[in-house]
Amino acid sequence: MATPPAIIWKDAVERLLRYRELIPRLEVALGKFSRRDSAELIQPVRTTVPLQKYNGFLGLMPAYMENDGVLSTKFVCFYKREDGSTLPATQATVVLLDPEYGNVKAVMDGEVITDMRTAAVSAISAKLLMRPGAEVLAILGTGRQALSHYNVFTEMFSFKEVRVWSRTKEKAERFRDSVSGPVTACVSVEEAVRGADAIVTVTRCTEPVLFGQWVKAGAHVAAVGACRPNWRELDDVLMKEAVVYADSREGAMAESGDIVLSGAEVFAELGDVINGTKPAHREKTTVFKSLGMGVQDAVSAKLVFDQWKAGHSQL
C-alpha cells in the first residue's frame, strides 16, 4: 500500500536546495536531454492552457528519467500583469510520482525550485559561454528571478561591478538595498548594459527592452523572460548578431518570441556544448534563451525529496 505523499512547503524547499549540489545535477540532465535518448529521458514540449479571463496561461511540464527512476510534472501558472500589480507573475507546484506504481510521492512548492533551477541553468550558460575574466554583470528586472540570478552569479563568478535596472527607480533601489553586495541602481537599460560582460534579462516585458547597439561585442546574454511566441525582450539586431543557444531547441522554436519573431537560428543547446558536440563561442556575442524544461524541475524535485527523506529518517 502506498504511503501518503510528502507535502514539502516553500520554507523547507529553501532550506534543502543548494546551488552547489543542484548545478552539477542540472549539467548532467542538460547533457542527457540533448542526446535525445528516449530510453534515458522523455520530455515533451510544455503544454499550455490559456487563462484568457486572467491574461495568463497554465503550463504543464512533465519529465520521465527511466534510468534514474524519476517521474514528475510541474504545474505553473504565469501571467502578463500590469505595471504595479500586486498579483504574482508566476505560481508553481511540482509533483513527484512513483513511476512503477503511479502514486504521488511528494507535492512541493514550485516557486523556489523554478527560481533556483532557472538561475542555475543561466549560470551554467555563463560558465560555458561567457568570456574569461568577466568583470561587469547587468541584471534587467528586480523580481524573484532577478534575486536568484544575482545570488548564483555572484556565488559562481567574481564580478567587480553589478548593475541593476527596473522600470521604476524605487524598485531598482529596493533591490540594491536588499542584497548583501554592492549594486549600482541604473535609471536606464542603456546605462545598465553599456560595457557589461554578462547581461541577465528577467523582465515582464512583451516588447524588446535590450537593444543590440548597446551590447558590447563578446558579451553573454542570458534571456529568461518573454516565454511566449509573441513576447520579446531582445531586438532583432542582437538576435541576428549573436550566436544563439537554448536549453531546448524545440521549446525555443515553439515558445520564444525572441527567436520566432526575429527569425534567428538556434546554433546549439547547452547540452550539446556539455556533450562536446557543438562548440562554445566564447569569443563572440552569445545569447542563451532560457525557456525552462520539465527535466530541470524533475532533477531539482528529486534532490529536494532525497534531502527531505534523509532528514526525516534521522528523526
C-alpha atoms as a PDB file:
ATOM      1  CA  MET A   1       0.000   0.000   0.000  1.00  0.00           C
ATOM      2  CA  ALA A   2       1.371   3.387  -0.973  1.00  0.00           C
ATOM      3  CA  THR A   3       2.319   5.778   1.781  1.00  0.00           C
ATOM      4  CA  PRO A   4       0.708   9.227   1.846  1.00  0.00           C
ATOM      5  CA  PRO A   5       2.617  11.778  -0.240  1.00  0.00           C
ATOM      6  CA  ALA A   6       5.059  14.109   1.423  1.00  0.00           C
ATOM      7  CA  ILE A   7       3.988  17.751   1.433  1.00  0.00           C
ATOM      8  CA  ILE A   8       7.088  19.941   1.216  1.00  0.00           C
ATOM      9  CA  TRP A   9       6.411  23.620   1.763  1.00  0.00           C
ATOM     10  CA  LYS A  10       8.352  26.621   0.494  1.00  0.00           C
ATOM     11  CA  ASP A  11      10.474  27.132   3.615  1.00  0.00           C
ATOM     12  CA  ALA A  12      11.606  23.500   3.508  1.00  0.00           C
ATOM     13  CA  VAL A  13      12.491  23.701  -0.198  1.00  0.00           C
ATOM     14  CA  GLU A  14      14.541  26.847   0.511  1.00  0.00           C
ATOM     15  CA  ARG A  15      16.404  25.006   3.256  1.00  0.00           C
ATOM     16  CA  LEU A  16      17.048  21.823   1.265  1.00  0.00           C
ATOM     17  CA  LEU A  17      18.041  23.171  -2.173  1.00  0.00           C
ATOM     18  CA  ARG A  18      21.621  24.423  -2.646  1.00  0.00           C
ATOM     19  CA  TYR A  19      23.318  25.580  -5.842  1.00  0.00           C
ATOM     20  CA  ARG A  20      26.494  23.613  -5.196  1.00  0.00           C
ATOM     21  CA  GLU A  21      24.500  20.357  -5.299  1.00  0.00           C
ATOM     22  CA  LEU A  22      21.942  21.436  -7.894  1.00  0.00           C
ATOM     23  CA  ILE A  23      24.244  22.746 -10.636  1.00  0.00           C
ATOM     24  CA  PRO A  24      26.204  19.508 -11.300  1.00  0.00           C
ATOM     25  CA  ARG A  25      22.936  17.565 -11.497  1.00  0.00           C
ATOM     26  CA  LEU A  26      21.467  20.066 -13.953  1.00  0.00           C
ATOM     27  CA  GLU A  27      24.585  19.873 -16.138  1.00  0.00           C
ATOM     28  CA  VAL A  28      24.165  16.093 -16.349  1.00  0.00           C
ATOM     29  CA  ALA A  29      20.449  16.472 -17.122  1.00  0.00           C
ATOM     30  CA  LEU A  30      21.064  19.026 -19.885  1.00  0.00           C
ATOM     31  CA  GLY A  31      23.567  16.658 -21.479  1.00  0.00           C
ATOM     32  CA  LYS A  32      21.122  13.754 -21.280  1.00  0.00           C
ATOM     33  CA  PHE A  33      18.344  15.817 -22.838  1.00  0.00           C
ATOM     34  CA  SER A  34      20.468  16.838 -25.818  1.00  0.00           C
ATOM     35  CA  ARG A  35      21.356  13.214 -26.570  1.00  0.00           C
ATOM     36  CA  ARG A  36      17.628  12.571 -27.306  1.00  0.00           C
ATOM     37  CA  ASP A  37      17.802   9.012 -25.945  1.00  0.00           C
ATOM     38  CA  SER A  38      14.194   8.152 -25.099  1.00  0.00           C
ATOM     39  CA  ALA A  39      15.385   5.154 -23.093  1.00  0.00           C
ATOM     40  CA  GLU A  40      17.029   7.629 -20.732  1.00  0.00           C
ATOM     41  CA  LEU A  41      14.809  10.721 -20.790  1.00  0.00           C
ATOM     42  CA  ILE A  42      11.377  11.627 -22.145  1.00  0.00           C
ATOM     43  CA  GLN A  43      10.271  15.240 -22.013  1.00  0.00           C
ATOM     44  CA  PRO A  44       7.679  16.790 -24.338  1.00  0.00           C
ATOM     45  CA  VAL A  45       7.493  20.497 -25.062  1.00  0.00           C
ATOM     46  CA  ARG A  46       5.484  22.339 -22.409  1.00  0.00           C
ATOM     47  CA  THR A  47       1.708  22.200 -22.898  1.00  0.00           C
ATOM     48  CA  THR A  48      -0.079  25.490 -22.243  1.00  0.00           C
ATOM     49  CA  VAL A  49      -3.721  26.198 -21.482  1.00  0.00           C
ATOM     50  CA  PRO A  50      -4.814  29.840 -21.980  1.00  0.00           C
ATOM     51  CA  LEU A  51      -6.452  31.535 -18.990  1.00  0.00           C
ATOM     52  CA  GLN A  52      -7.957  34.305 -21.104  1.00  0.00           C
ATOM     53  CA  LYS A  53     -10.094  35.890 -18.376  1.00  0.00           C
ATOM     54  CA  TYR A  54      -6.959  36.447 -16.267  1.00  0.00           C
ATOM     55  CA  ASN A  55      -4.469  37.165 -19.071  1.00  0.00           C
ATOM     56  CA  GLY A  56      -2.417  34.115 -18.201  1.00  0.00           C
ATOM     57  CA  PHE A  57      -1.545  30.516 -19.009  1.00  0.00           C
ATOM     58  CA  LEU A  58      -1.319  27.181 -17.236  1.00  0.00           C
ATOM     59  CA  GLY A  59       1.803  25.284 -18.257  1.00  0.00           C
ATOM     60  CA  LEU A  60       2.220  21.513 -17.776  1.00  0.00           C
ATOM     61  CA  MET A  61       5.828  20.298 -17.720  1.00  0.00           C
ATOM     62  CA  PRO A  62       6.255  16.520 -17.337  1.00  0.00           C
ATOM     63  CA  ALA A  63       9.511  14.569 -17.486  1.00  0.00           C
ATOM     64  CA  TYR A  64      10.458  10.913 -17.065  1.00  0.00           C
ATOM     65  CA  MET A  65      14.028   9.765 -16.429  1.00  0.00           C
ATOM     66  CA  GLU A  66      13.777   5.993 -16.654  1.00  0.00           C
ATOM     67  CA  ASN A  67      17.257   5.014 -15.533  1.00  0.00           C
ATOM     68  CA  ASP A  68      17.057   7.391 -12.573  1.00  0.00           C
ATOM     69  CA  GLY A  69      13.539   6.348 -11.613  1.00  0.00           C
ATOM     70  CA  VAL A  70      12.281   9.929 -11.694  1.00  0.00           C
ATOM     71  CA  LEU A  71       8.779  10.852 -12.866  1.00  0.00           C
ATOM     72  CA  SER A  72       7.496  14.355 -12.238  1.00  0.00           C
ATOM     73  CA  THR A  73       5.429  17.183 -13.579  1.00  0.00           C
ATOM     74  CA  LYS A  74       5.231  20.850 -12.780  1.00  0.00           C
ATOM     75  CA  PHE A  75       2.056  22.902 -12.911  1.00  0.00           C
ATOM     76  CA  VAL A  76       2.931  26.550 -13.482  1.00  0.00           C
ATOM     77  CA  CYS A  77       0.592  29.486 -13.977  1.00  0.00           C
ATOM     78  CA  PHE A  78       2.146  32.606 -15.497  1.00  0.00           C
ATOM     79  CA  TYR A  79       0.526  35.930 -16.242  1.00  0.00           C
ATOM     80  CA  LYS A  80       1.003  39.154 -18.151  1.00  0.00           C
ATOM     81  CA  ARG A  81       0.485  41.573 -15.256  1.00  0.00           C
ATOM     82  CA  GLU A  82       0.012  45.305 -15.468  1.00  0.00           C
ATOM     83  CA  ASP A  83       2.764  47.516 -14.042  1.00  0.00           C
ATOM     84  CA  GLY A  84       2.164  47.996 -10.345  1.00  0.00           C
ATOM     85  CA  SER A  85       0.076  44.819  -9.982  1.00  0.00           C
ATOM     86  CA  THR A  86       0.424  43.134  -6.574  1.00  0.00           C
ATOM     87  CA  LEU A  87      -0.573  39.742  -8.003  1.00  0.00           C
ATOM     88  CA  PRO A  88       2.181  37.178  -8.617  1.00  0.00           C
ATOM     89  CA  ALA A  89       3.524  36.798 -12.157  1.00  0.00           C
ATOM     90  CA  THR A  90       4.040  33.056 -11.645  1.00  0.00           C
ATOM     91  CA  GLN A  91       2.875  30.335  -9.275  1.00  0.00           C
ATOM     92  CA  ALA A  92       4.132  26.758  -9.453  1.00  0.00           C
ATOM     93  CA  THR A  93       3.727  23.320  -7.856  1.00  0.00           C
ATOM     94  CA  VAL A  94       5.899  20.267  -8.555  1.00  0.00           C
ATOM     95  CA  VAL A  95       4.565  16.717  -8.167  1.00  0.00           C
ATOM     96  CA  LEU A  96       6.935  13.736  -7.855  1.00  0.00           C
ATOM     97  CA  LEU A  97       5.466  10.312  -8.669  1.00  0.00           C
ATOM     98  CA  ASP A  98       6.491   6.677  -8.326  1.00  0.00           C
ATOM     99  CA  PRO A  99       6.974   5.538 -11.948  1.00  0.00           C
ATOM    100  CA  GLU A 100       6.173   1.881 -11.122  1.00  0.00           C
ATOM    101  CA  TYR A 101       3.032   2.298  -9.015  1.00  0.00           C
ATOM    102  CA  GLY A 102       1.869   5.661 -10.349  1.00  0.00           C
ATOM    103  CA  ASN A 103       1.179   7.127  -6.925  1.00  0.00           C
ATOM    104  CA  VAL A 104       2.216  10.625  -5.860  1.00  0.00           C
ATOM    105  CA  LYS A 105       5.339  10.517  -3.678  1.00  0.00           C
ATOM    106  CA  ALA A 106       5.617  14.234  -2.968  1.00  0.00           C
ATOM    107  CA  VAL A 107       3.927  17.541  -3.644  1.00  0.00           C
ATOM    108  CA  MET A 108       6.223  20.507  -3.215  1.00  0.00           C
ATOM    109  CA  ASP A 109       6.213  24.249  -3.629  1.00  0.00           C
ATOM    110  CA  GLY A 110       7.482  25.030  -7.110  1.00  0.00           C
ATOM    111  CA  GLU A 111       8.342  28.710  -6.638  1.00  0.00           C
ATOM    112  CA  VAL A 112      11.797  28.175  -5.153  1.00  0.00           C
ATOM    113  CA  ILE A 113      12.534  25.260  -7.490  1.00  0.00           C
ATOM    114  CA  THR A 114      11.617  27.386 -10.523  1.00  0.00           C
ATOM    115  CA  ASP A 115      13.652  30.368  -9.329  1.00  0.00           C
ATOM    116  CA  MET A 116      16.752  28.362  -8.421  1.00  0.00           C
ATOM    117  CA  ARG A 117      16.889  25.904 -11.305  1.00  0.00           C
ATOM    118  CA  THR A 118      16.297  28.725 -13.815  1.00  0.00           C
ATOM    119  CA  ALA A 119      19.083  30.827 -12.335  1.00  0.00           C
ATOM    120  CA  ALA A 120      21.356  27.793 -12.079  1.00  0.00           C
ATOM    121  CA  VAL A 121      20.931  26.974 -15.787  1.00  0.00           C
ATOM    122  CA  SER A 122      21.630  30.622 -16.682  1.00  0.00           C
ATOM    123  CA  ALA A 123      24.800  30.374 -14.597  1.00  0.00           C
ATOM    124  CA  ILE A 124      25.737  27.172 -16.446  1.00  0.00           C
ATOM    125  CA  SER A 125      25.291  29.078 -19.715  1.00  0.00           C
ATOM    126  CA  ALA A 126      27.658  31.781 -18.433  1.00  0.00           C
ATOM    127  CA  LYS A 127      30.151  29.154 -17.275  1.00  0.00           C
ATOM    128  CA  LEU A 128      30.163  27.692 -20.794  1.00  0.00           C
ATOM    129  CA  LEU A 129      29.812  30.825 -22.951  1.00  0.00           C
ATOM    130  CA  MET A 130      30.961  33.925 -21.037  1.00  0.00           C
ATOM    131  CA  ARG A 131      34.432  35.252 -21.730  1.00  0.00           C
ATOM    132  CA  PRO A 132      37.004  34.522 -19.020  1.00  0.00           C
ATOM    133  CA  GLY A 133      37.725  37.435 -16.727  1.00  0.00           C
ATOM    134  CA  ALA A 134      34.255  38.966 -16.960  1.00  0.00           C
ATOM    135  CA  GLU A 135      34.015  41.982 -14.667  1.00  0.00           C
ATOM    136  CA  VAL A 136      30.591  43.610 -15.113  1.00  0.00           C
ATOM    137  CA  LEU A 137      27.190  41.947 -14.602  1.00  0.00           C
ATOM    138  CA  ALA A 138      23.943  43.711 -15.553  1.00  0.00           C
ATOM    139  CA  ILE A 139      20.530  42.459 -14.419  1.00  0.00           C
ATOM    140  CA  LEU A 140      17.373  43.794 -16.068  1.00  0.00           C
ATOM    141  CA  GLY A 141      14.445  43.232 -13.715  1.00  0.00           C
ATOM    142  CA  THR A 142      14.121  43.186  -9.934  1.00  0.00           C
ATOM    143  CA  GLY A 143      11.702  40.346  -9.165  1.00  0.00           C
ATOM    144  CA  ARG A 144      12.304  36.893  -7.685  1.00  0.00           C
ATOM    145  CA  GLN A 145      14.248  35.703 -10.728  1.00  0.00           C
ATOM    146  CA  ALA A 146      16.497  38.767 -10.538  1.00  0.00           C
ATOM    147  CA  LEU A 147      17.355  37.879  -6.952  1.00  0.00           C
ATOM    148  CA  SER A 148      18.010  34.204  -7.671  1.00  0.00           C
ATOM    149  CA  HIS A 149      20.221  35.149 -10.618  1.00  0.00           C
ATOM    150  CA  TYR A 150      22.101  37.691  -8.511  1.00  0.00           C
ATOM    151  CA  ASN A 151      22.684  35.057  -5.827  1.00  0.00           C
ATOM    152  CA  VAL A 152      24.047  32.329  -8.088  1.00  0.00           C
ATOM    153  CA  PHE A 153      26.030  34.609 -10.426  1.00  0.00           C
ATOM    154  CA  THR A 154      27.819  36.302  -7.534  1.00  0.00           C
ATOM    155  CA  GLU A 155      28.388  32.918  -5.895  1.00  0.00           C
ATOM    156  CA  MET A 156      29.936  31.375  -9.013  1.00  0.00           C
ATOM    157  CA  PHE A 157      31.763  34.334 -10.557  1.00  0.00           C
ATOM    158  CA  SER A 158      33.906  37.228  -9.321  1.00  0.00           C
ATOM    159  CA  PHE A 159      32.352  40.337 -10.842  1.00  0.00           C
ATOM    160  CA  LYS A 160      33.856  43.696  -9.944  1.00  0.00           C
ATOM    161  CA  GLU A 161      30.601  45.539 -10.641  1.00  0.00           C
ATOM    162  CA  VAL A 162      26.916  44.574 -10.603  1.00  0.00           C
ATOM    163  CA  ARG A 163      24.272  46.850 -12.112  1.00  0.00           C
ATOM    164  CA  VAL A 164      20.501  46.550 -11.953  1.00  0.00           C
ATOM    165  CA  TRP A 165      17.647  48.216 -13.829  1.00  0.00           C
ATOM    166  CA  SER A 166      13.907  48.245 -13.238  1.00  0.00           C
ATOM    167  CA  ARG A 167      11.044  50.189 -14.781  1.00  0.00           C
ATOM    168  CA  THR A 168      10.921  52.299 -11.632  1.00  0.00           C
ATOM    169  CA  LYS A 169      13.829  53.839  -9.775  1.00  0.00           C
ATOM    170  CA  GLU A 170      12.269  52.757  -6.474  1.00  0.00           C
ATOM    171  CA  LYS A 171      12.306  49.067  -7.406  1.00  0.00           C
ATOM    172  CA  ALA A 172      15.925  49.226  -8.538  1.00  0.00           C
ATOM    173  CA  GLU A 173      16.948  50.935  -5.300  1.00  0.00           C
ATOM    174  CA  ARG A 174      14.917  48.475  -3.224  1.00  0.00           C
ATOM    175  CA  PHE A 175      16.697  45.581  -4.942  1.00  0.00           C
ATOM    176  CA  ARG A 176      20.066  47.241  -4.381  1.00  0.00           C
ATOM    177  CA  ASP A 177      19.339  47.661  -0.686  1.00  0.00           C
ATOM    178  CA  SER A 178      18.057  44.090  -0.265  1.00  0.00           C
ATOM    179  CA  VAL A 179      21.240  42.268  -1.315  1.00  0.00           C
ATOM    180  CA  SER A 180      24.461  41.864   0.592  1.00  0.00           C
ATOM    181  CA  GLY A 181      26.953  43.019  -2.047  1.00  0.00           C
ATOM    182  CA  PRO A 182      27.447  46.355  -3.809  1.00  0.00           C
ATOM    183  CA  VAL A 183      24.968  47.036  -6.636  1.00  0.00           C
ATOM    184  CA  THR A 184      24.508  50.101  -8.821  1.00  0.00           C
ATOM    185  CA  ALA A 185      20.859  51.023  -9.468  1.00  0.00           C
ATOM    186  CA  CYS A 186      20.623  52.357 -13.040  1.00  0.00           C
ATOM    187  CA  VAL A 187      17.944  54.663 -14.421  1.00  0.00           C
ATOM    188  CA  SER A 188      18.015  53.271 -17.976  1.00  0.00           C
ATOM    189  CA  VAL A 189      18.645  49.953 -19.672  1.00  0.00           C
ATOM    190  CA  GLU A 190      21.401  51.509 -21.745  1.00  0.00           C
ATOM    191  CA  GLU A 191      23.209  52.731 -18.627  1.00  0.00           C
ATOM    192  CA  ALA A 192      22.958  49.272 -17.104  1.00  0.00           C
ATOM    193  CA  VAL A 193      24.231  47.266 -20.070  1.00  0.00           C
ATOM    194  CA  ARG A 194      26.854  49.505 -21.722  1.00  0.00           C
ATOM    195  CA  GLY A 195      30.190  47.719 -21.338  1.00  0.00           C
ATOM    196  CA  ALA A 196      28.691  44.780 -19.405  1.00  0.00           C
ATOM    197  CA  ASP A 197      30.300  41.379 -19.903  1.00  0.00           C
ATOM    198  CA  ALA A 198      27.217  39.446 -18.811  1.00  0.00           C
ATOM    199  CA  ILE A 199      23.594  40.570 -19.074  1.00  0.00           C
ATOM    200  CA  VAL A 200      20.632  38.803 -17.491  1.00  0.00           C
ATOM    201  CA  THR A 201      17.128  39.742 -18.680  1.00  0.00           C
ATOM    202  CA  VAL A 202      14.448  38.696 -16.203  1.00  0.00           C
ATOM    203  CA  THR A 203      11.662  41.126 -17.051  1.00  0.00           C
ATOM    204  CA  ARG A 204       7.922  41.001 -17.652  1.00  0.00           C
ATOM    205  CA  CYS A 205       8.389  42.838 -20.950  1.00  0.00           C
ATOM    206  CA  THR A 206       6.471  41.761 -24.029  1.00  0.00           C
ATOM    207  CA  GLU A 207       8.314  44.180 -26.349  1.00  0.00           C
ATOM    208  CA  PRO A 208      12.116  44.455 -26.789  1.00  0.00           C
ATOM    209  CA  VAL A 209      13.886  46.200 -23.933  1.00  0.00           C
ATOM    210  CA  LEU A 210      17.500  45.214 -24.716  1.00  0.00           C
ATOM    211  CA  PHE A 211      18.915  46.544 -27.990  1.00  0.00           C
ATOM    212  CA  GLY A 212      21.932  45.165 -29.810  1.00  0.00           C
ATOM    213  CA  GLN A 213      23.506  48.597 -30.323  1.00  0.00           C
ATOM    214  CA  TRP A 214      24.039  48.825 -26.535  1.00  0.00           C
ATOM    215  CA  VAL A 215      25.607  45.362 -26.121  1.00  0.00           C
ATOM    216  CA  LYS A 216      29.366  45.182 -26.386  1.00  0.00           C
ATOM    217  CA  ALA A 217      30.938  42.643 -28.716  1.00  0.00           C
ATOM    218  CA  GLY A 218      31.677  39.391 -26.929  1.00  0.00           C
ATOM    219  CA  ALA A 219      29.111  39.886 -24.167  1.00  0.00           C
ATOM    220  CA  HIS A 220      26.973  36.982 -22.952  1.00  0.00           C
ATOM    221  CA  VAL A 221      23.217  37.441 -22.541  1.00  0.00           C
ATOM    222  CA  ALA A 222      21.029  35.085 -20.512  1.00  0.00           C
ATOM    223  CA  ALA A 223      17.484  35.879 -21.683  1.00  0.00           C
ATOM    224  CA  VAL A 224      14.936  34.461 -19.247  1.00  0.00           C
ATOM    225  CA  GLY A 225      11.706  36.449 -19.680  1.00  0.00           C
ATOM    226  CA  ALA A 226       9.359  36.535 -22.699  1.00  0.00           C
ATOM    227  CA  CYS A 227       8.273  32.895 -22.626  1.00  0.00           C
ATOM    228  CA  ARG A 228       5.513  33.203 -25.231  1.00  0.00           C
ATOM    229  CA  PRO A 229       5.915  33.222 -29.043  1.00  0.00           C
ATOM    230  CA  ASN A 230       4.600  36.800 -29.265  1.00  0.00           C
ATOM    231  CA  TRP A 231       6.548  38.217 -26.279  1.00  0.00           C
ATOM    232  CA  ARG A 232      10.055  39.687 -26.560  1.00  0.00           C
ATOM    233  CA  GLU A 233      12.920  41.115 -24.517  1.00  0.00           C
ATOM    234  CA  LEU A 234      15.662  41.358 -27.179  1.00  0.00           C
ATOM    235  CA  ASP A 235      15.641  43.195 -30.504  1.00  0.00           C
ATOM    236  CA  ASP A 236      16.350  41.790 -33.970  1.00  0.00           C
ATOM    237  CA  VAL A 237      19.818  43.339 -34.137  1.00  0.00           C
ATOM    238  CA  LEU A 238      21.007  41.469 -31.060  1.00  0.00           C
ATOM    239  CA  MET A 239      19.310  38.205 -32.017  1.00  0.00           C
ATOM    240  CA  LYS A 240      20.818  38.195 -35.510  1.00  0.00           C
ATOM    241  CA  GLU A 241      24.322  39.298 -34.488  1.00  0.00           C
ATOM    242  CA  ALA A 242      24.679  36.836 -31.615  1.00  0.00           C
ATOM    243  CA  VAL A 243      25.321  33.105 -31.582  1.00  0.00           C
ATOM    244  CA  VAL A 244      22.099  31.770 -30.053  1.00  0.00           C
ATOM    245  CA  TYR A 245      21.954  28.832 -27.644  1.00  0.00           C
ATOM    246  CA  ALA A 246      18.886  27.352 -25.922  1.00  0.00           C
ATOM    247  CA  ASP A 247      18.029  24.780 -23.295  1.00  0.00           C
ATOM    248  CA  SER A 248      15.657  23.076 -25.747  1.00  0.00           C
ATOM    249  CA  ARG A 249      15.695  23.749 -29.480  1.00  0.00           C
ATOM    250  CA  GLU A 250      12.069  22.576 -29.833  1.00  0.00           C
ATOM    251  CA  GLY A 251      10.961  24.667 -26.873  1.00  0.00           C
ATOM    252  CA  ALA A 252      12.710  27.764 -28.195  1.00  0.00           C
ATOM    253  CA  MET A 253      11.239  27.409 -31.685  1.00  0.00           C
ATOM    254  CA  ALA A 254       7.726  26.944 -30.255  1.00  0.00           C
ATOM    255  CA  GLU A 255       7.706  29.391 -27.336  1.00  0.00           C
ATOM    256  CA  SER A 256      10.364  32.103 -27.647  1.00  0.00           C
ATOM    257  CA  GLY A 257       9.174  35.280 -29.322  1.00  0.00           C
ATOM    258  CA  ASP A 258      12.777  36.490 -29.404  1.00  0.00           C
ATOM    259  CA  ILE A 259      13.623  33.551 -31.690  1.00  0.00           C
ATOM    260  CA  VAL A 260      10.320  33.091 -33.565  1.00  0.00           C
ATOM    261  CA  LEU A 261       9.801  36.763 -34.453  1.00  0.00           C
ATOM    262  CA  SER A 262      13.448  37.606 -35.224  1.00  0.00           C
ATOM    263  CA  GLY A 263      13.978  34.537 -37.389  1.00  0.00           C
ATOM    264  CA  ALA A 264      17.231  33.839 -35.541  1.00  0.00           C
ATOM    265  CA  GLU A 265      18.747  30.383 -35.780  1.00  0.00           C
ATOM    266  CA  VAL A 266      19.386  28.323 -32.662  1.00  0.00           C
ATOM    267  CA  PHE A 267      23.012  27.279 -33.063  1.00  0.00           C
ATOM    268  CA  ALA A 268      23.055  24.723 -30.254  1.00  0.00           C
ATOM    269  CA  GLU A 269      21.577  23.581 -26.978  1.00  0.00           C
ATOM    270  CA  LEU A 270      23.595  23.923 -23.782  1.00  0.00           C
ATOM    271  CA  GLY A 271      23.590  20.136 -23.598  1.00  0.00           C
ATOM    272  CA  ASP A 272      25.343  19.986 -26.982  1.00  0.00           C
ATOM    273  CA  VAL A 273      28.169  22.089 -25.557  1.00  0.00           C
ATOM    274  CA  ILE A 274      28.298  19.952 -22.410  1.00  0.00           C
ATOM    275  CA  ASN A 275      28.418  16.792 -24.560  1.00  0.00           C
ATOM    276  CA  GLY A 276      31.155  18.267 -26.766  1.00  0.00           C
ATOM    277  CA  THR A 277      29.108  18.001 -29.965  1.00  0.00           C
ATOM    278  CA  LYS A 278      28.886  21.793 -30.508  1.00  0.00           C
ATOM    279  CA  PRO A 279      31.459  24.488 -29.639  1.00  0.00           C
ATOM    280  CA  ALA A 280      31.155  27.278 -27.095  1.00  0.00           C
ATOM    281  CA  HIS A 281      31.797  30.528 -28.988  1.00  0.00           C
ATOM    282  CA  ARG A 282      33.163  32.495 -26.035  1.00  0.00           C
ATOM    283  CA  GLU A 283      34.886  34.981 -28.338  1.00  0.00           C
ATOM    284  CA  LYS A 284      31.576  36.047 -29.892  1.00  0.00           C
ATOM    285  CA  THR A 285      28.445  37.731 -28.583  1.00  0.00           C
ATOM    286  CA  THR A 286      26.214  34.938 -27.292  1.00  0.00           C
ATOM    287  CA  VAL A 287      22.575  34.712 -26.270  1.00  0.00           C
ATOM    288  CA  PHE A 288      21.242  31.877 -24.148  1.00  0.00           C
ATOM    289  CA  LYS A 289      17.465  31.695 -24.499  1.00  0.00           C
ATOM    290  CA  SER A 290      16.034  30.052 -21.395  1.00  0.00           C
ATOM    291  CA  LEU A 291      12.528  28.603 -21.556  1.00  0.00           C
ATOM    292  CA  GLY A 292      12.828  26.118 -18.702  1.00  0.00           C
ATOM    293  CA  MET A 293      12.321  22.373 -19.001  1.00  0.00           C
ATOM    294  CA  GLY A 294      10.498  19.661 -17.094  1.00  0.00           C
ATOM    295  CA  VAL A 295      13.731  17.728 -16.610  1.00  0.00           C
ATOM    296  CA  GLN A 296      15.187  20.687 -14.718  1.00  0.00           C
ATOM    297  CA  ASP A 297      12.225  20.550 -12.344  1.00  0.00           C
ATOM    298  CA  ALA A 298      12.485  16.754 -12.083  1.00  0.00           C
ATOM    299  CA  VAL A 299      16.162  16.855 -11.094  1.00  0.00           C
ATOM    300  CA  SER A 300      15.522  19.636  -8.595  1.00  0.00           C
ATOM    301  CA  ALA A 301      12.486  17.892  -7.086  1.00  0.00           C
ATOM    302  CA  LYS A 302      14.402  14.624  -6.683  1.00  0.00           C
ATOM    303  CA  LEU A 303      17.200  16.454  -4.885  1.00  0.00           C
ATOM    304  CA  VAL A 304      14.703  18.165  -2.553  1.00  0.00           C
ATOM    305  CA  PHE A 305      12.858  14.892  -1.871  1.00  0.00           C
ATOM    306  CA  ASP A 306      16.048  12.914  -1.221  1.00  0.00           C
ATOM    307  CA  GLN A 307      17.262  15.577   1.221  1.00  0.00           C
ATOM    308  CA  TRP A 308      13.836  15.710   2.890  1.00  0.00           C
ATOM    309  CA  LYS A 309      13.716  11.903   3.188  1.00  0.00           C
ATOM    310  CA  ALA A 310      17.237  11.744   4.637  1.00  0.00           C
ATOM    311  CA  GLY A 311      16.326  14.339   7.253  1.00  0.00           C
ATOM    312  CA  HIS A 312      13.141  12.540   8.270  1.00  0.00           C
ATOM    313  CA  SER A 313      14.843   9.143   8.515  1.00  0.00           C
ATOM    314  CA  GLN A 314      17.050  10.583  11.265  1.00  0.00           C
ATOM    315  CA  LEU A 315      14.058  11.643  13.386  1.00  0.00           C
END
